[in-house]
Amino acid sequence: MTAFLNRVVRKTALVLTAAACFSALATNASFAFSSEAQQQCTGDAFRLCGSEIPNVAKITACMIKQRASLSSGCRSVMDRELAAKTKVAAQ
């Protein structure tokens, strides 16, 4: 029973950490990704960049560095959003 509770607490903590990280992404202007990106990329963030949590800048850099390993949904959303940011910054 104790092992089960430990797993539940650990999973809950991971989910809350992810929510906090992606909430920070959504509110930080330089790393503002949409709710679609959050939905598509949460699993990839844990799988590829879990060691960077909760540092938003490091998670973002890691996700960009790990682009080839991202799920197709996450990769397409990130590519679209990063291209839009680059386009705005160039103007």
C-alpha atoms as a PDB file:
ATOM      1  CA  MET A   1       0.000   0.000   0.000  1.00  0.00           C
ATOM      2  CA  THR A   2       2.828   2.405   0.828  1.00  0.00           C
ATOM      3  CA  ALA A   3       4.520   1.771  -2.542  1.00  0.00           C
ATOM      4  CA  PHE A   4       1.243   2.527  -4.295  1.00  0.00           C
ATOM      5  CA  LEU A   5       0.825   5.814  -2.398  1.00  0.00           C
ATOM      6  CA  ASN A   6       4.426   6.776  -3.183  1.00  0.00           C
ATOM      7  CA  ARG A   7       3.789   6.229  -6.903  1.00  0.00           C
ATOM      8  CA  VAL A   8       0.582   8.261  -6.764  1.00  0.00           C
ATOM      9  CA  VAL A   9       2.314  11.113  -4.942  1.00  0.00           C
ATOM     10  CA  ARG A  10       5.255  11.024  -7.374  1.00  0.00           C
ATOM     11  CA  LYS A  11       2.974  11.078 -10.436  1.00  0.00           C
ATOM     12  CA  THR A  12       0.905  13.871  -8.953  1.00  0.00           C
ATOM     13  CA  ALA A  13       4.044  15.895  -8.263  1.00  0.00           C
ATOM     14  CA  LEU A  14       5.221  15.382 -11.855  1.00  0.00           C
ATOM     15  CA  VAL A  15       1.884  16.491 -13.260  1.00  0.00           C
ATOM     16  CA  LEU A  16       1.836  19.581 -11.059  1.00  0.00           C
ATOM     17  CA  THR A  17       5.430  20.407 -12.031  1.00  0.00           C
ATOM     18  CA  ALA A  18       4.561  20.084 -15.714  1.00  0.00           C
ATOM     19  CA  ALA A  19       1.514  22.280 -15.264  1.00  0.00           C
ATOM     20  CA  ALA A  20       3.605  24.913 -13.509  1.00  0.00           C
ATOM     21  CA  CYS A  21       6.280  24.788 -16.209  1.00  0.00           C
ATOM     22  CA  PHE A  22       3.874  25.110 -19.075  1.00  0.00           C
ATOM     23  CA  SER A  23       1.911  27.757 -17.238  1.00  0.00           C
ATOM     24  CA  ALA A  24       5.147  29.714 -16.968  1.00  0.00           C
ATOM     25  CA  LEU A  25       5.696  29.167 -20.697  1.00  0.00           C
ATOM     26  CA  ALA A  26       2.296  30.622 -21.397  1.00  0.00           C
ATOM     27  CA  THR A  27       2.840  33.702 -19.248  1.00  0.00           C
ATOM     28  CA  ASN A  28       6.459  34.488 -20.089  1.00  0.00           C
ATOM     29  CA  ALA A  29       6.459  36.675 -23.218  1.00  0.00           C
ATOM     30  CA  SER A  30       9.712  35.310 -24.613  1.00  0.00           C
ATOM     31  CA  PHE A  31       8.562  31.713 -24.202  1.00  0.00           C
ATOM     32  CA  ALA A  32       4.817  32.107 -24.735  1.00  0.00           C
ATOM     33  CA  PHE A  33       3.614  28.936 -26.404  1.00  0.00           C
ATOM     34  CA  SER A  34      -0.042  28.233 -27.030  1.00  0.00           C
ATOM     35  CA  SER A  35      -2.230  25.815 -25.150  1.00  0.00           C
ATOM     36  CA  GLU A  36      -2.006  23.593 -28.246  1.00  0.00           C
ATOM     37  CA  ALA A  37       1.787  23.459 -27.859  1.00  0.00           C
ATOM     38  CA  GLN A  38       1.427  22.686 -24.175  1.00  0.00           C
ATOM     39  CA  GLN A  39      -1.010  19.879 -24.952  1.00  0.00           C
ATOM     40  CA  GLN A  40       1.099  18.403 -27.764  1.00  0.00           C
ATOM     41  CA  CYS A  41       4.487  18.765 -26.048  1.00  0.00           C
ATOM     42  CA  THR A  42       3.994  17.911 -22.364  1.00  0.00           C
ATOM     43  CA  GLY A  43       4.901  14.258 -22.854  1.00  0.00           C
ATOM     44  CA  ASP A  44       7.949  15.163 -24.940  1.00  0.00           C
ATOM     45  CA  ALA A  45       9.097  17.665 -22.330  1.00  0.00           C
ATOM     46  CA  PHE A  46       9.034  14.990 -19.646  1.00  0.00           C
ATOM     47  CA  ARG A  47      10.587  12.338 -21.860  1.00  0.00           C
ATOM     48  CA  LEU A  48      13.366  14.436 -23.383  1.00  0.00           C
ATOM     49  CA  CYS A  49      13.932  17.364 -21.032  1.00  0.00           C
ATOM     50  CA  GLY A  50      12.722  16.236 -17.602  1.00  0.00           C
ATOM     51  CA  SER A  51      16.081  17.058 -16.059  1.00  0.00           C
ATOM     52  CA  GLU A  52      15.561  20.735 -16.966  1.00  0.00           C
ATOM     53  CA  ILE A  53      12.237  21.080 -15.121  1.00  0.00           C
ATOM     54  CA  PRO A  54      11.312  23.672 -13.738  1.00  0.00           C
ATOM     55  CA  ASN A  55      13.674  26.042 -15.646  1.00  0.00           C
ATOM     56  CA  VAL A  56      11.489  27.296 -18.506  1.00  0.00           C
ATOM     57  CA  ALA A  57      14.344  28.700 -20.587  1.00  0.00           C
ATOM     58  CA  LYS A  58      16.291  25.431 -20.322  1.00  0.00           C
ATOM     59  CA  ILE A  59      13.225  23.338 -21.158  1.00  0.00           C
ATOM     60  CA  THR A  60      12.605  25.441 -24.256  1.00  0.00           C
ATOM     61  CA  ALA A  61      16.258  25.237 -25.339  1.00  0.00           C
ATOM     62  CA  CYS A  62      16.258  21.492 -24.736  1.00  0.00           C
ATOM     63  CA  MET A  63      13.080  21.000 -26.767  1.00  0.00           C
ATOM     64  CA  ILE A  64      14.581  22.957 -29.662  1.00  0.00           C
ATOM     65  CA  LYS A  65      17.823  20.968 -29.405  1.00  0.00           C
ATOM     66  CA  GLN A  66      15.869  17.693 -29.308  1.00  0.00           C
ATOM     67  CA  ARG A  67      13.681  18.676 -32.288  1.00  0.00           C
ATOM     68  CA  ALA A  68      14.460  15.473 -34.202  1.00  0.00           C
ATOM     69  CA  SER A  69      13.190  13.381 -31.276  1.00  0.00           C
ATOM     70  CA  LEU A  70       9.932  15.291 -30.733  1.00  0.00           C
ATOM     71  CA  SER A  71       6.603  13.700 -31.542  1.00  0.00           C
ATOM     72  CA  SER A  72       5.231  14.849 -34.883  1.00  0.00           C
ATOM     73  CA  GLY A  73       2.431  16.865 -33.248  1.00  0.00           C
ATOM     74  CA  CYS A  74       4.789  18.697 -30.928  1.00  0.00           C
ATOM     75  CA  ARG A  75       7.334  19.323 -33.678  1.00  0.00           C
ATOM     76  CA  SER A  76       4.756  20.817 -36.045  1.00  0.00           C
ATOM     77  CA  VAL A  77       3.278  23.091 -33.374  1.00  0.00           C
ATOM     78  CA  MET A  78       6.692  24.277 -32.182  1.00  0.00           C
ATOM     79  CA  ASP A  79       7.910  24.865 -35.751  1.00  0.00           C
ATOM     80  CA  ARG A  80       4.807  26.903 -36.544  1.00  0.00           C
ATOM     81  CA  GLU A  81       5.018  28.981 -33.356  1.00  0.00           C
ATOM     82  CA  LEU A  82       8.785  29.553 -33.546  1.00  0.00           C
ATOM     83  CA  ALA A  83       8.451  30.612 -37.198  1.00  0.00           C
ATOM     84  CA  ALA A  84       5.729  33.105 -36.238  1.00  0.00           C
ATOM     85  CA  LYS A  85       7.948  34.542 -33.466  1.00  0.00           C
ATOM     86  CA  THR A  86      10.921  34.814 -35.813  1.00  0.00           C
ATOM     87  CA  LYS A  87       8.773  36.552 -38.410  1.00  0.00           C
ATOM     88  CA  VAL A  88       7.521  39.077 -35.831  1.00  0.00           C
ATOM     89  CA  ALA A  89      11.043  39.679 -34.499  1.00  0.00           C
ATOM     90  CA  ALA A  90      12.367  40.314 -38.020  1.00  0.00           C
ATOM     91  CA  GLN A  91       9.816  43.076 -38.671  1.00  0.00           C
END
